[in-house]
Amino acid sequence: MLLIDIGNSAIKVGQVFARRLEKVTAYAIAGQNVKTIVEDIISNQSGKIMIANTNKTPNLESSLPLHSDITFIKSVRASKGLTNGYKNHQQLGIDRWLNMLYAWSGVNNACCVISCGTCITYDQIDANGQHLGGLILPGSSLSKKSLENLLGIKAKTCKSTTLGLDTQSALGCGIRFFESGLIENLLEYFKTTNPDISSHENIFITGGNAKLYTRNLKTKINLVDNMVLLGMLQTAY
């Protein structure tokens, strides 16, 4: 079985063997045509294919070549004891739903999921599996682009928790501090609203920038790679 996670900056493809995610390959989008990339990926596949499309590429589902077994995964009202908190459950991003599905299936207790990609998303689940809602905030790439356009300069990459000694490095390090502080506040909110939860296993973080943001966090967390693909695996069995 093949699992395909179509994000805003990359497409991740996971191979499943014996109900386990064994191999993951990432394809950068970088201005390329998403439909063409996906067509190339599935061209030689004969087994079951599951696709989660966060990219919102128009008409992707109807424009792909006919295949014997392609399923586009959608956000649903409830699954495996997890209840979608949105009034219109279909409006919840499929990446957020799959991340929560994986987290809930792992702990069956109050938990939260933070995803650090193009946007930073936060979603919280109570002890009964009810999705309480979430937050969507700009990720580092969006913040960086916005400030660079506003100030007319290019930010330098901040490789450690330091202060900038020129405007470019001050901007880069400022974004780094902002993101790390934001995540600390989200984790503090979860702990405050769930004082009976003491295990870091109930706090999940994922996404392309997760390792960078969590390097200097005070709170111990559960860092999970390829969480959307793992959530897709939950829906398959």
Protein backbone atom coordinates (compact mmCIF):
# COMPACT_ATOMS: atom_id res chain seq x y z
CA MET A 1 0.00 0.00 0.00
CA LEU A 2 1.15 3.53 -0.82
CA LEU A 3 0.36 6.57 1.37
CA ILE A 4 0.72 10.07 -0.13
CA ASP A 5 0.70 13.25 1.99
CA ILE A 6 0.47 16.32 -0.27
CA GLY A 7 1.56 19.36 1.73
CA ASN A 8 2.25 22.97 0.79
CA SER A 9 6.01 22.64 0.37
CA ALA A 10 6.57 18.90 -0.10
CA ILE A 11 4.88 15.63 -0.95
CA LYS A 12 5.69 12.69 1.34
CA VAL A 13 5.22 9.16 0.11
CA GLY A 14 5.14 6.23 2.51
CA GLN A 15 5.41 2.54 1.66
CA VAL A 16 3.46 0.20 3.93
CA PHE A 17 4.54 -3.38 4.53
CA ALA A 18 2.83 -5.73 7.01
CA ARG A 19 0.76 -2.79 8.33
CA ARG A 20 3.90 -0.80 9.16
CA LEU A 21 5.22 2.42 7.64
CA GLU A 22 8.63 1.23 6.44
CA LYS A 23 9.91 3.77 3.92
CA VAL A 24 9.21 7.49 3.45
CA THR A 25 10.36 9.58 0.49
CA ALA A 26 9.91 13.36 0.24
CA TYR A 27 9.49 15.31 -3.00
CA ALA A 28 9.94 19.10 -2.87
CA ILE A 29 7.21 21.01 -4.70
CA ALA A 30 9.11 24.30 -5.16
CA GLY A 31 6.88 25.65 -7.91
CA GLN A 32 6.44 22.33 -9.69
CA ASN A 33 3.04 21.09 -10.80
CA VAL A 34 1.60 18.98 -7.99
CA LYS A 35 -0.56 16.94 -10.35
CA THR A 36 2.49 15.98 -12.46
CA ILE A 37 4.48 14.91 -9.39
CA VAL A 38 1.62 12.75 -8.11
CA GLU A 39 1.06 11.21 -11.54
CA ASP A 40 4.74 10.21 -11.68
CA ILE A 41 4.55 8.73 -8.17
CA ILE A 42 1.51 6.54 -8.87
CA SER A 43 2.35 5.63 -12.49
CA ASN A 44 3.92 2.27 -11.65
CA GLN A 45 1.77 1.43 -8.63
CA SER A 46 -0.74 -1.41 -8.80
CA GLY A 47 -1.83 -1.75 -5.16
CA LYS A 48 -3.94 0.39 -2.86
CA ILE A 49 -3.14 4.12 -2.78
CA MET A 50 -4.35 6.56 -0.12
CA ILE A 51 -3.96 10.32 -0.58
CA ALA A 52 -4.29 13.19 1.91
CA ASN A 53 -4.32 16.50 0.03
CA THR A 54 -3.57 19.50 2.24
CA ASN A 55 -2.22 21.49 -0.71
CA LYS A 56 -5.73 22.23 -2.01
CA THR A 57 -4.58 21.74 -5.60
CA PRO A 58 -7.78 22.33 -7.61
CA ASN A 59 -9.38 19.36 -9.38
CA LEU A 60 -6.60 16.99 -8.34
CA GLU A 61 -8.97 14.21 -7.41
CA SER A 62 -10.86 14.31 -10.69
CA SER A 63 -7.84 14.92 -12.92
CA LEU A 64 -5.63 12.01 -11.86
CA PRO A 65 -5.51 9.08 -14.29
CA LEU A 66 -7.84 6.20 -13.54
CA HIS A 67 -6.43 3.76 -11.03
CA SER A 68 -7.99 0.63 -9.64
CA ASP A 69 -7.74 1.64 -5.99
CA ILE A 70 -7.15 5.31 -5.07
CA THR A 71 -8.79 6.75 -1.95
CA PHE A 72 -8.71 10.46 -1.08
CA ILE A 73 -9.00 10.69 2.70
CA LYS A 74 -11.39 13.32 4.08
CA SER A 75 -12.01 14.68 7.57
CA VAL A 76 -14.98 12.87 9.11
CA ARG A 77 -17.29 13.50 12.06
CA ALA A 78 -15.80 10.73 14.20
CA SER A 79 -13.44 7.77 13.99
CA LYS A 80 -11.83 5.31 16.43
CA GLY A 81 -13.23 7.17 19.46
CA LEU A 82 -12.11 10.63 18.28
CA THR A 83 -14.80 13.25 17.59
CA ASN A 84 -14.23 16.18 15.25
CA GLY A 85 -14.93 19.47 17.01
CA TYR A 86 -15.72 21.53 13.91
CA LYS A 87 -19.38 22.33 13.25
CA ASN A 88 -18.71 21.45 9.63
CA HIS A 89 -16.33 18.53 10.04
CA GLN A 90 -15.22 18.67 6.40
CA GLN A 91 -13.68 22.11 6.92
CA LEU A 92 -11.04 20.74 9.30
CA GLY A 93 -7.76 20.31 7.43
CA ILE A 94 -7.09 16.66 6.69
CA ASP A 95 -3.53 16.98 8.02
CA ARG A 96 -4.82 18.19 11.40
CA TRP A 97 -7.43 15.43 11.55
CA LEU A 98 -4.90 12.69 10.75
CA ASN A 99 -2.38 14.07 13.25
CA MET A 100 -5.03 14.01 15.96
CA LEU A 101 -6.17 10.53 14.99
CA TYR A 102 -2.65 9.20 15.44
CA ALA A 103 -2.17 11.01 18.76
CA TRP A 104 -5.51 9.89 20.20
CA SER A 105 -4.99 6.30 19.10
CA GLY A 106 -1.67 6.28 20.92
CA VAL A 107 -2.81 7.57 24.33
CA ASN A 108 -6.65 7.43 24.46
CA ASN A 109 -6.49 10.36 26.85
CA ALA A 110 -6.30 14.14 26.83
CA CYS A 111 -3.57 15.23 24.43
CA CYS A 112 -2.49 18.02 22.12
CA VAL A 113 -0.85 18.13 18.72
CA ILE A 114 1.41 20.90 17.42
CA SER A 115 2.40 20.82 13.77
CA CYS A 116 5.25 23.05 12.57
CA GLY A 117 5.08 23.47 8.82
CA THR A 118 4.14 26.35 6.56
CA CYS A 119 1.71 27.20 9.35
CA ILE A 120 1.89 26.26 13.02
CA THR A 121 -1.27 24.47 14.10
CA TYR A 122 -2.39 23.50 17.59
CA ASP A 123 -5.23 21.09 18.35
CA GLN A 124 -6.42 19.82 21.72
CA ILE A 125 -8.38 16.67 22.60
CA ASP A 126 -10.03 15.92 25.95
CA ALA A 127 -9.98 12.65 27.86
CA ASN A 128 -13.17 11.50 26.11
CA GLY A 129 -11.75 11.93 22.62
CA GLN A 130 -13.57 15.20 21.93
CA HIS A 131 -11.63 17.65 19.77
CA LEU A 132 -11.87 20.93 21.69
CA GLY A 133 -10.67 23.13 18.83
CA GLY A 134 -7.41 24.53 17.60
CA LEU A 135 -5.28 27.42 16.45
CA ILE A 136 -3.63 28.29 13.14
CA LEU A 137 -0.62 30.62 13.21
CA PRO A 138 2.03 31.66 10.69
CA GLY A 139 5.07 29.40 10.55
CA SER A 140 8.66 30.59 10.24
CA SER A 141 8.65 30.75 6.43
CA LEU A 142 5.54 32.94 6.37
CA SER A 143 6.82 35.16 9.19
CA LYS A 144 10.21 35.48 7.52
CA LYS A 145 8.76 36.36 4.12
CA SER A 146 6.36 38.92 5.59
CA LEU A 147 9.05 40.70 7.64
CA GLU A 148 11.59 40.60 4.82
CA ASN A 149 9.07 42.26 2.50
CA LEU A 150 8.20 44.84 5.15
CA LEU A 151 11.82 45.72 6.02
CA GLY A 152 13.33 45.22 2.58
CA ILE A 153 16.11 42.92 3.85
CA LYS A 154 16.95 39.22 3.92
CA ALA A 155 17.06 37.45 7.28
CA LYS A 156 20.11 35.41 8.20
CA THR A 157 19.62 31.88 9.50
CA CYS A 158 19.87 31.73 13.29
CA LYS A 159 21.78 28.54 14.10
CA SER A 160 21.59 28.87 17.87
CA THR A 161 19.82 30.84 20.57
CA THR A 162 21.78 34.06 20.18
CA LEU A 163 21.24 37.77 19.70
CA GLY A 164 21.81 39.30 16.29
CA LEU A 165 24.72 41.69 15.77
CA ASP A 166 23.33 43.05 12.51
CA THR A 167 19.82 43.66 11.24
CA GLN A 168 19.68 40.53 9.11
CA SER A 169 20.75 38.21 11.94
CA ALA A 170 18.56 40.09 14.44
CA LEU A 171 15.58 39.34 12.19
CA GLY A 172 16.51 35.68 11.78
CA CYS A 173 17.10 35.14 15.49
CA GLY A 174 13.98 37.12 16.36
CA ILE A 175 11.85 34.75 14.31
CA ARG A 176 13.55 31.79 16.01
CA PHE A 177 12.82 33.17 19.50
CA PHE A 178 9.25 34.01 18.53
CA GLU A 179 8.50 30.49 17.29
CA SER A 180 10.10 28.74 20.29
CA GLY A 181 8.32 31.05 22.74
CA LEU A 182 5.02 30.51 20.97
CA ILE A 183 5.31 26.74 21.29
CA GLU A 184 6.26 27.04 24.98
CA ASN A 185 3.09 29.07 25.55
CA LEU A 186 0.96 26.49 23.74
CA LEU A 187 2.44 23.71 25.87
CA GLU A 188 1.84 25.73 29.03
CA TYR A 189 -1.78 26.23 28.01
CA PHE A 190 -2.22 22.47 27.58
CA LYS A 191 -0.65 21.74 30.97
CA THR A 192 -2.75 24.42 32.66
CA THR A 193 -6.00 23.07 31.21
CA ASN A 194 -5.00 19.47 32.00
CA PRO A 195 -3.29 19.57 35.41
CA ASP A 196 -3.81 15.83 35.89
CA ILE A 197 -1.70 15.02 32.80
CA SER A 198 1.96 14.78 33.73
CA SER A 199 3.40 12.57 30.97
CA HIS A 200 5.12 14.16 27.98
CA GLU A 201 3.68 11.31 25.91
CA ASN A 202 0.41 13.26 25.76
CA ILE A 203 2.10 16.18 23.98
CA PHE A 204 2.80 15.57 20.29
CA ILE A 205 4.77 17.75 17.91
CA THR A 206 5.47 17.12 14.25
CA GLY A 207 6.27 18.88 10.99
CA GLY A 208 9.30 19.95 9.01
CA ASN A 209 10.44 22.56 11.55
CA ALA A 210 9.60 20.60 14.71
CA LYS A 211 13.16 19.56 15.55
CA LEU A 212 14.43 23.11 15.09
CA TYR A 213 11.76 24.61 17.35
CA THR A 214 12.02 22.02 20.10
CA ARG A 215 15.79 22.05 20.49
CA ASN A 216 15.69 24.54 23.35
CA LEU A 217 12.26 23.83 24.84
CA LYS A 218 11.99 23.46 28.61
CA THR A 219 9.11 21.01 28.31
CA LYS A 220 9.75 17.41 27.30
CA ILE A 221 7.58 16.41 24.36
CA ASN A 222 6.81 13.53 22.04
CA LEU A 223 8.44 14.35 18.69
CA VAL A 224 6.91 12.31 15.84
CA ASP A 225 8.09 12.31 12.23
CA ASN A 226 5.64 11.74 9.36
CA MET A 227 2.62 12.01 11.63
CA VAL A 228 0.14 12.57 8.80
CA LEU A 229 1.26 9.33 7.14
CA LEU A 230 0.97 7.51 10.47
CA GLY A 231 -2.55 8.91 10.86
CA MET A 232 -3.39 7.67 7.37
CA LEU A 233 -2.24 4.24 8.46
CA GLN A 234 -4.77 4.41 11.31
CA THR A 235 -7.58 4.91 8.79
CA ALA A 236 -6.47 1.98 6.64
CA TYR A 237 -7.05 -0.79 9.20
